[in-house]
Protein backbone atom coordinates (compact mmCIF):
# COMPACT_ATOMS: atom_id res chain seq x y z
CA MET A 1 344.39 -3.71 -154.63
CA LYS A 2 346.51 -6.73 -153.59
CA GLU A 3 344.91 -9.09 -150.97
CA HIS A 4 347.10 -10.08 -147.87
CA SER A 5 346.44 -12.03 -144.60
CA LEU A 6 347.16 -10.05 -141.52
CA LEU A 7 349.81 -12.62 -140.99
CA GLU A 8 351.60 -11.88 -143.83
CA ILE A 9 351.78 -7.89 -142.96
CA ALA A 10 352.31 -7.70 -139.45
CA THR A 11 353.57 -9.62 -136.08
CA ILE A 12 350.36 -10.47 -133.83
CA LYS A 13 351.05 -10.44 -130.24
CA SER A 14 349.09 -10.91 -126.99
CA GLY A 15 348.71 -8.90 -124.02
CA LYS A 16 349.03 -10.13 -120.46
CA ARG A 17 346.70 -10.65 -117.28
CA LEU A 18 347.92 -8.77 -114.20
CA PRO A 19 349.80 -11.56 -112.13
CA LYS A 20 347.89 -13.13 -109.13
CA GLY A 21 347.94 -10.62 -106.06
CA HIS A 22 348.63 -7.62 -108.18
CA GLU A 23 346.12 -5.03 -108.66
CA LEU A 24 345.37 -2.10 -111.14
CA SER A 25 345.02 1.79 -109.55
CA ASN A 26 343.64 5.15 -110.40
CA ILE A 27 346.59 6.72 -109.15
CA PRO A 28 348.78 7.70 -112.14
CA SER A 29 352.11 5.97 -112.46
CA PRO A 30 354.80 5.88 -115.45
CA TYR A 31 353.16 2.63 -116.45
CA PRO A 32 349.44 3.06 -117.82
CA TYR A 33 347.76 -0.50 -118.50
CA ILE A 34 345.29 -0.52 -121.57
CA LYS A 35 342.18 -2.61 -120.97
CA ALA A 36 339.56 -3.77 -123.68
CA ARG A 37 337.29 -0.94 -122.73
CA ASP A 38 340.05 1.64 -123.76
CA ILE A 39 339.89 0.43 -127.35
CA LYS A 40 337.12 1.68 -129.66
CA LYS A 41 336.19 3.38 -132.97
CA GLY A 42 339.74 3.41 -134.03
CA LYS A 43 341.34 5.00 -130.96
CA VAL A 44 343.01 3.88 -127.73
CA ASN A 45 341.22 6.23 -125.11
CA SER A 46 344.05 7.77 -122.83
CA VAL A 47 341.31 9.38 -120.51
CA GLY A 48 340.55 7.52 -117.63
CA LEU A 49 343.21 4.94 -117.79
CA GLU A 50 344.26 2.67 -114.92
CA PHE A 51 347.94 2.02 -113.70
CA VAL A 52 350.29 -0.65 -112.61
CA ASP A 53 353.07 0.07 -109.85
CA GLU A 54 356.72 -0.63 -110.64
CA SER A 55 356.81 -4.24 -109.09
CA THR A 56 353.71 -5.31 -111.49
CA ARG A 57 355.31 -3.71 -114.37
CA LYS A 58 358.69 -5.83 -113.83
CA LYS A 59 356.58 -8.94 -114.27
CA ILE A 60 354.75 -8.14 -117.24
CA ALA A 61 357.28 -5.90 -118.97
CA LYS A 62 357.44 -7.86 -122.16
CA TYR A 63 353.63 -7.08 -122.97
CA ILE A 64 353.79 -3.59 -123.86
CA VAL A 65 352.90 -1.68 -126.92
CA SER A 66 354.50 1.00 -129.33
CA GLU A 67 353.16 3.80 -131.03
CA ASN A 68 351.13 2.98 -134.27
CA ASP A 69 350.52 -0.62 -133.19
CA ILE A 70 347.03 -1.58 -134.08
CA LEU A 71 344.93 -3.04 -130.86
CA ILE A 72 342.03 -5.55 -131.47
CA THR A 73 339.73 -6.80 -128.69
CA ILE A 74 339.34 -10.43 -128.41
CA VAL A 75 336.70 -11.41 -125.86
CA ALA A 76 333.61 -9.69 -124.74
CA ASN A 77 333.12 -6.98 -127.21
CA ILE A 78 335.18 -8.47 -130.16
CA GLY A 79 336.71 -6.79 -132.72
CA ASP A 80 336.93 -3.34 -131.47
CA VAL A 81 339.96 -1.62 -133.06
CA GLY A 82 342.24 1.28 -131.89
CA ILE A 83 345.46 2.39 -132.92
CA VAL A 84 348.20 3.58 -130.32
CA PRO A 85 348.94 7.00 -129.94
CA LYS A 86 352.18 8.55 -128.95
CA LYS A 87 351.32 9.25 -125.23
CA LEU A 88 350.98 5.57 -124.50
CA ASN A 89 354.10 4.29 -126.20
CA ASN A 90 355.24 1.34 -123.73
CA ALA A 91 351.98 0.96 -122.07
CA ASN A 92 350.94 -2.71 -121.00
CA LEU A 93 348.23 -4.55 -122.52
CA THR A 94 345.49 -6.50 -121.24
CA GLU A 95 344.97 -10.15 -122.20
CA ASN A 96 341.59 -9.31 -123.76
CA ALA A 97 343.48 -7.76 -126.88
CA VAL A 98 346.16 -8.34 -129.12
CA ARG A 99 348.33 -5.96 -131.08
CA LEU A 100 349.34 -5.86 -134.63
CA THR A 101 353.05 -4.55 -134.72
CA ASN A 102 356.06 -4.74 -137.00
CA LEU A 103 354.07 -3.67 -140.01
CA LYS A 104 355.48 -4.11 -143.50
CA LEU A 105 356.90 -1.08 -145.30
CA PHE A 106 353.88 -1.16 -147.64
CA VAL A 107 351.25 -0.83 -144.92
CA ASN A 108 350.19 2.36 -143.30
CA ALA A 109 348.89 1.71 -139.99
CA GLN A 110 346.22 4.60 -139.61
CA TYR A 111 344.86 3.23 -143.00
CA LEU A 112 344.87 -0.42 -141.86
CA THR A 113 343.00 0.76 -138.59
CA TYR A 114 340.41 2.51 -140.52
CA LEU A 115 339.88 -0.58 -142.84
CA LEU A 116 339.57 -3.08 -139.61
CA SER A 117 337.20 -0.53 -137.95
CA GLN A 118 334.58 -0.98 -140.67
CA LYS A 119 331.44 -2.71 -139.50
CA GLU A 120 331.53 -5.48 -141.74
CA TYR A 121 335.13 -6.37 -140.34
CA LYS A 122 334.00 -6.29 -136.72
CA GLU A 123 330.90 -8.65 -137.61
CA TYR A 124 333.42 -10.70 -139.27
CA MET A 125 335.67 -11.19 -136.20
CA GLU A 126 332.74 -11.87 -133.80
CA SER A 127 331.51 -14.59 -136.22
CA LEU A 128 335.40 -16.03 -136.23
CA ALA A 129 335.08 -15.99 -132.47
CA ALA A 130 331.79 -17.64 -132.01
CA GLY A 131 331.32 -21.63 -131.09
CA ALA A 132 333.62 -21.71 -128.03
CA ALA A 133 331.57 -21.72 -124.44
CA GLN A 134 333.08 -18.42 -124.29
CA ALA A 135 333.50 -16.51 -127.30
CA LYS A 136 337.33 -15.70 -127.75
CA LEU A 137 339.22 -14.65 -131.17
CA GLY A 138 342.57 -16.46 -131.08
CA ILE A 139 345.74 -15.17 -132.81
CA TYR A 140 345.68 -17.91 -135.23
CA LYS A 141 341.95 -16.84 -136.18
CA ILE A 142 343.46 -13.16 -136.63
CA GLU A 143 346.24 -13.89 -138.76
CA LYS A 144 343.98 -15.43 -141.37
CA ILE A 145 342.00 -12.26 -141.80
CA LYS A 146 342.31 -10.97 -145.34
CA VAL A 147 342.64 -7.46 -146.20
CA ASN A 148 342.78 -5.54 -149.69
CA LEU A 149 345.52 -2.98 -149.71
CA PRO A 150 346.03 -0.12 -152.41
CA GLU A 151 349.57 1.28 -152.90
CA ILE A 152 351.05 2.92 -149.99
CA VAL A 153 350.54 6.20 -151.35
CA ILE A 154 347.06 5.86 -151.72
CA GLN A 155 346.61 4.38 -148.34
CA LYS A 156 348.68 7.43 -146.98
CA ARG A 157 346.32 9.97 -148.92
CA ILE A 158 343.01 7.94 -147.56
CA ALA A 159 344.37 8.11 -144.25
CA SER A 160 345.09 11.76 -144.25
CA ILE A 161 341.88 12.63 -145.51
CA LEU A 162 339.86 10.65 -142.87
CA SER A 163 342.29 11.97 -140.27
CA ALA A 164 341.49 15.47 -140.74
CA TYR A 165 338.16 14.65 -139.49
CA ASP A 166 339.57 12.87 -136.44
CA ASP A 167 341.85 15.77 -135.75
CA LEU A 168 339.04 18.37 -135.53
CA ILE A 169 336.92 15.77 -133.35
CA GLU A 170 339.98 15.72 -131.31
CA VAL A 171 340.36 19.44 -130.87
CA ASN A 172 336.61 19.63 -129.91
CA ASN A 173 337.34 16.92 -127.18
CA LYS A 174 340.04 18.84 -125.73
CA ARG A 175 337.76 21.85 -125.60
CA ILE A 176 335.04 19.79 -123.97
CA GLU A 177 337.36 18.42 -121.37
CA LEU A 178 338.41 21.85 -120.54
CA LEU A 179 334.78 23.11 -119.97
CA GLU A 180 334.10 20.15 -117.95
CA GLN A 181 337.01 20.89 -115.88
CA SER A 182 335.87 24.48 -115.37
CA ALA A 183 331.99 23.05 -114.02
CA ARG A 184 333.73 20.67 -111.96
CA GLU A 185 336.02 23.47 -110.51
CA LEU A 186 332.65 25.56 -109.96
CA TYR A 187 330.89 22.45 -108.31
CA LYS A 188 334.10 21.92 -105.84
CA GLU A 189 334.17 25.80 -105.01
CA TRP A 190 330.47 25.78 -104.01
CA PHE A 191 329.84 22.39 -102.50
CA VAL A 192 333.01 21.09 -101.38
CA ARG A 193 334.87 24.27 -100.31
CA MET A 194 331.55 25.77 -99.07
CA ARG A 195 332.15 29.08 -101.02
CA PHE A 196 328.84 29.61 -102.69
CA PRO A 197 327.17 32.75 -103.31
CA ASN A 198 326.80 34.83 -100.01
CA TYR A 199 328.52 32.15 -98.01
CA GLN A 200 329.95 34.76 -96.03
CA ASN A 201 326.46 36.02 -94.56
CA THR A 202 325.51 32.18 -93.89
CA LYS A 203 325.34 30.54 -90.36
CA PHE A 204 327.26 27.40 -90.21
CA ASN A 205 326.42 24.60 -87.49
CA LYS A 206 329.29 22.03 -87.14
CA GLY A 207 330.11 22.87 -90.73
CA ILE A 208 326.72 22.42 -92.23
CA PRO A 209 325.31 25.71 -93.71
CA GLU A 210 321.92 26.88 -92.68
CA GLY A 211 319.19 25.06 -94.64
CA TRP A 212 321.56 22.15 -95.83
CA LYS A 213 321.37 18.79 -94.22
CA GLU A 214 322.91 15.47 -94.12
CA GLU A 215 320.91 13.10 -96.49
CA LEU A 216 320.80 9.59 -97.82
CA LEU A 217 321.54 9.41 -101.80
CA GLY A 218 318.27 7.14 -102.27
CA ASN A 219 316.13 9.90 -100.72
CA ILE A 220 317.05 12.32 -103.78
CA LEU A 221 317.27 10.01 -106.68
CA GLU A 222 316.79 6.58 -108.08
CA PHE A 223 318.61 4.34 -110.10
CA ALA A 224 316.45 3.04 -112.78
CA TYR A 225 317.36 -0.24 -114.61
CA GLY A 226 318.25 0.10 -118.53
CA LYS A 227 316.58 -2.21 -120.90
CA ALA A 228 318.35 -4.86 -122.87
CA LEU A 229 318.80 -4.37 -126.54
CA LYS A 230 320.39 -6.91 -128.63
CA GLU A 231 322.89 -5.66 -131.32
CA GLU A 232 320.19 -7.74 -134.08
CA ASN A 233 317.25 -5.57 -132.73
CA ARG A 234 318.95 -2.32 -133.09
CA ILE A 235 317.73 0.14 -135.89
CA TRP A 236 319.84 2.74 -136.83
CA GLY A 237 318.30 6.02 -135.91
CA LYS A 238 319.43 9.37 -134.30
CA TYR A 239 319.21 8.26 -130.51
CA PRO A 240 322.53 7.19 -128.60
CA ILE A 241 322.50 3.87 -127.27
CA TYR A 242 324.61 3.96 -123.63
CA GLY A 243 326.45 1.12 -122.27
CA SER A 244 328.62 1.03 -119.09
CA SER A 245 331.58 2.39 -121.55
CA GLY A 246 329.49 5.19 -122.91
CA VAL A 247 327.73 5.47 -126.46
CA VAL A 248 327.86 2.11 -127.99
CA GLY A 249 325.69 2.76 -130.86
CA PHE A 250 322.53 4.51 -131.98
CA HIS A 251 318.68 3.32 -132.34
CA ILE A 252 315.45 4.71 -133.86
CA LYS A 253 313.58 4.86 -130.68
CA PRO A 254 314.79 6.29 -127.15
CA LEU A 255 314.04 4.84 -123.72
CA ILE A 256 314.13 7.92 -121.72
CA LYS A 257 314.08 11.75 -122.32
CA SER A 258 316.65 14.39 -122.15
CA PRO A 259 318.78 15.47 -120.10
CA ALA A 260 319.80 12.09 -118.81
CA ILE A 261 322.54 10.83 -116.23
CA ILE A 262 323.61 7.26 -117.11
CA ILE A 263 325.68 5.12 -114.30
CA GLY A 264 327.72 1.94 -115.50
CA ARG A 265 326.17 -1.00 -113.56
CA LYS A 266 328.03 -3.84 -115.17
CA GLY A 267 331.40 -3.96 -116.83
CA ASN A 268 332.65 -0.29 -116.36
CA VAL A 269 331.29 -0.16 -112.93
CA GLY A 270 330.25 3.58 -111.70
CA SER A 271 331.25 5.21 -114.99
CA VAL A 272 329.19 8.51 -115.04
CA PHE A 273 327.50 9.87 -118.74
CA PHE A 274 325.52 12.72 -119.32
CA SER A 275 323.19 12.76 -122.38
CA PHE A 276 321.69 16.10 -123.52
CA GLN A 277 319.75 14.08 -126.04
CA GLU A 278 316.83 11.53 -125.47
CA CYS A 279 318.65 8.12 -125.26
CA TYR A 280 318.40 4.44 -124.67
CA PRO A 281 320.36 3.15 -121.75
CA ILE A 282 320.69 -0.92 -121.98
CA ASP A 283 320.71 -3.27 -119.22
CA THR A 284 324.46 -2.83 -118.28
CA VAL A 285 323.75 0.88 -116.61
CA PHE A 286 321.21 2.47 -114.53
CA TYR A 287 319.81 6.05 -115.30
CA ILE A 288 318.68 8.67 -112.86
CA VAL A 289 315.19 9.73 -111.83
CA SER A 290 315.11 12.61 -109.77
CA PRO A 291 312.99 15.88 -109.50
CA TYR A 292 316.48 17.93 -108.76
CA SER A 293 318.68 19.47 -111.39
CA LYS A 294 320.18 16.73 -113.66
CA LEU A 295 323.36 19.32 -113.98
CA TYR A 296 323.80 19.16 -110.18
CA LEU A 297 323.24 15.56 -109.70
CA TYR A 298 325.88 15.01 -112.61
CA GLN A 299 328.60 16.47 -110.83
CA LEU A 300 327.51 15.11 -107.48
CA LEU A 301 327.64 11.61 -108.77
CA LYS A 302 330.98 12.30 -110.87
CA GLY A 303 332.45 12.81 -107.24
CA GLN A 304 331.28 9.62 -105.74
CA THR A 305 333.25 6.37 -105.66
CA PHE A 306 331.41 3.40 -106.60
CA ILE A 307 332.09 -0.27 -106.08
CA GLU A 308 330.66 -3.52 -107.10
CA GLY A 309 328.21 -5.48 -104.81
CA ASP A 310 328.99 -8.90 -103.46
CA ALA A 311 330.30 -11.74 -105.45
CA ALA A 312 326.98 -13.60 -105.45
CA ILE A 313 325.37 -10.53 -107.28
CA PRO A 314 328.19 -8.92 -109.47
CA GLY A 315 327.76 -5.35 -110.54
CA LEU A 316 326.95 -1.94 -108.87
CA SER A 317 324.38 -2.42 -105.75
CA ARG A 318 321.71 0.26 -106.08
CA ASN A 319 321.01 -0.67 -102.17
CA GLN A 320 324.63 0.25 -101.16
CA VAL A 321 324.35 3.47 -103.30
CA TYR A 322 321.12 4.53 -101.61
CA LYS A 323 322.86 4.12 -98.03
CA THR A 324 325.40 6.63 -98.97
CA LYS A 325 325.29 9.79 -97.06
CA ILE A 326 326.03 13.06 -98.46
CA LEU A 327 325.70 16.84 -97.30
CA PHE A 328 322.79 17.88 -99.32
CA PRO A 329 322.13 21.82 -100.01
CA ASN A 330 318.86 23.78 -100.28
CA LYS A 331 316.97 23.91 -103.49
CA LYS A 332 317.60 27.52 -104.05
CA ILE A 333 321.41 26.89 -104.06
CA ILE A 334 320.96 23.91 -106.45
CA ASP A 335 318.75 26.18 -108.87
CA LEU A 336 321.39 28.81 -108.58
CA TYR A 337 324.26 26.47 -109.67
CA ASP A 338 322.37 25.05 -112.59
CA MET A 339 321.76 28.69 -113.97
CA ASN A 340 325.61 29.63 -113.69
CA ILE A 341 326.53 26.14 -115.04
CA ARG A 342 323.97 25.82 -117.95
CA PRO A 343 325.98 27.96 -120.56
CA ILE A 344 329.00 25.86 -119.81
CA PHE A 345 327.10 22.64 -120.93
CA THR A 346 325.48 24.48 -123.73
CA GLN A 347 328.89 24.92 -125.31
CA ILE A 348 329.86 21.42 -124.70
CA GLU A 349 326.38 20.07 -126.20
CA ASN A 350 327.29 21.93 -129.39
CA LEU A 351 330.74 20.77 -129.44
CA GLN A 352 329.47 17.36 -129.06
CA LYS A 353 326.92 18.06 -132.05
CA GLN A 354 329.74 19.26 -134.28
CA ASN A 355 331.71 16.04 -133.19
CA GLN A 356 328.63 13.88 -134.30
CA GLU A 357 328.44 15.46 -137.56
CA LEU A 358 331.94 15.29 -138.35
CA ALA A 359 332.33 11.53 -137.45
CA ALA A 360 328.94 11.12 -139.73
CA ILE A 361 330.87 12.59 -142.77
CA ARG A 362 333.77 10.52 -142.13
CA ASP A 363 331.87 7.33 -141.53
CA ARG A 364 330.28 7.99 -144.72
CA LEU A 365 333.36 8.76 -146.52
CA LEU A 366 335.29 5.83 -145.11
CA PRO A 367 333.74 2.70 -147.28
CA ARG A 368 333.69 4.63 -150.38
CA LEU A 369 337.37 5.90 -149.82
CA ILE A 370 338.42 2.29 -149.20
CA SER A 371 336.17 0.66 -151.92
CA GLY A 372 337.60 2.80 -154.50
CA LYS A 373 334.15 4.41 -155.50
CA LEU A 374 335.66 7.81 -154.49
CA GLU A 375 338.88 7.85 -156.42
CA VAL A 376 341.94 9.25 -154.63
CA LYS A 377 345.00 10.62 -156.57
CA ALA A 378 348.05 10.14 -155.10
């Protein structure tokens, strides 16, 4: 092993904030924009990205990433790391992250990503950023971070072993995505296109099926507040901790029972997650309380557009959400939908459990391989 600073092995470049008057859009364009929330656990998420238009792209065209660049978040969730996949080559990068590019020939990008993704590196980067009024990990601080690197052939071998687990997880994620699409399509067929079972024999009055009614969202569910759980108070356990970007850790005790629906309140406002496990929603999210089918409500909420409240109270406003009008079906149809959709979600649950097991094996191997405790032959 040989020690190097990141400055010695890579060029470190910043991202760029949007110019004044320019905005991101959910409408796909050739120009994806990577935000800090998209960088996590060694990956750069390509699902749910936002985009810029051509005029914005021209103004920030120099601040793009290349395949196999390594991204590091520098504010808020400091020290999250991800490697750029081929599909995001030439995407724009937020000012809240930097990229490691032009790696030396004796450095394997995937290996370095695994190395920097370890907990101790994240904690070290967080400590480097502390001290200012707003914690920020400056480039000059990143340049000084030291890494120990084995020979390139060993780096590649370790990366190959760990990537095998990530590849299996990715296959399962694609299967989950297809299953979720089929669940969403069935919801649209029944509750948007109104082709629910026996719809041909159902009376409609002004487009509303008999037994259905216009209802306020606040009359069928409650948005309950999650509870703060600081990182230093978290004790490793089997129950997922949910923030507005999804699972952010695990804890020894759950806050709520399963199944659960989680809604982003701050940060990734309006994000919607479904948990098959008892879980712990933190204070950046709401969780749903309702007597109705959680599988139905999950699809209903996935179809809503949530916006932040006024500037005085940033974040998702419960009162605004509660005033949203929806077309609410009768309980018989909801229960029938639940029965039809449950086998799909059972498959999703099983695949997610497989992914947790694969990730646990990978995470146990990672420090042993990188430290040399588990010998790797070239």
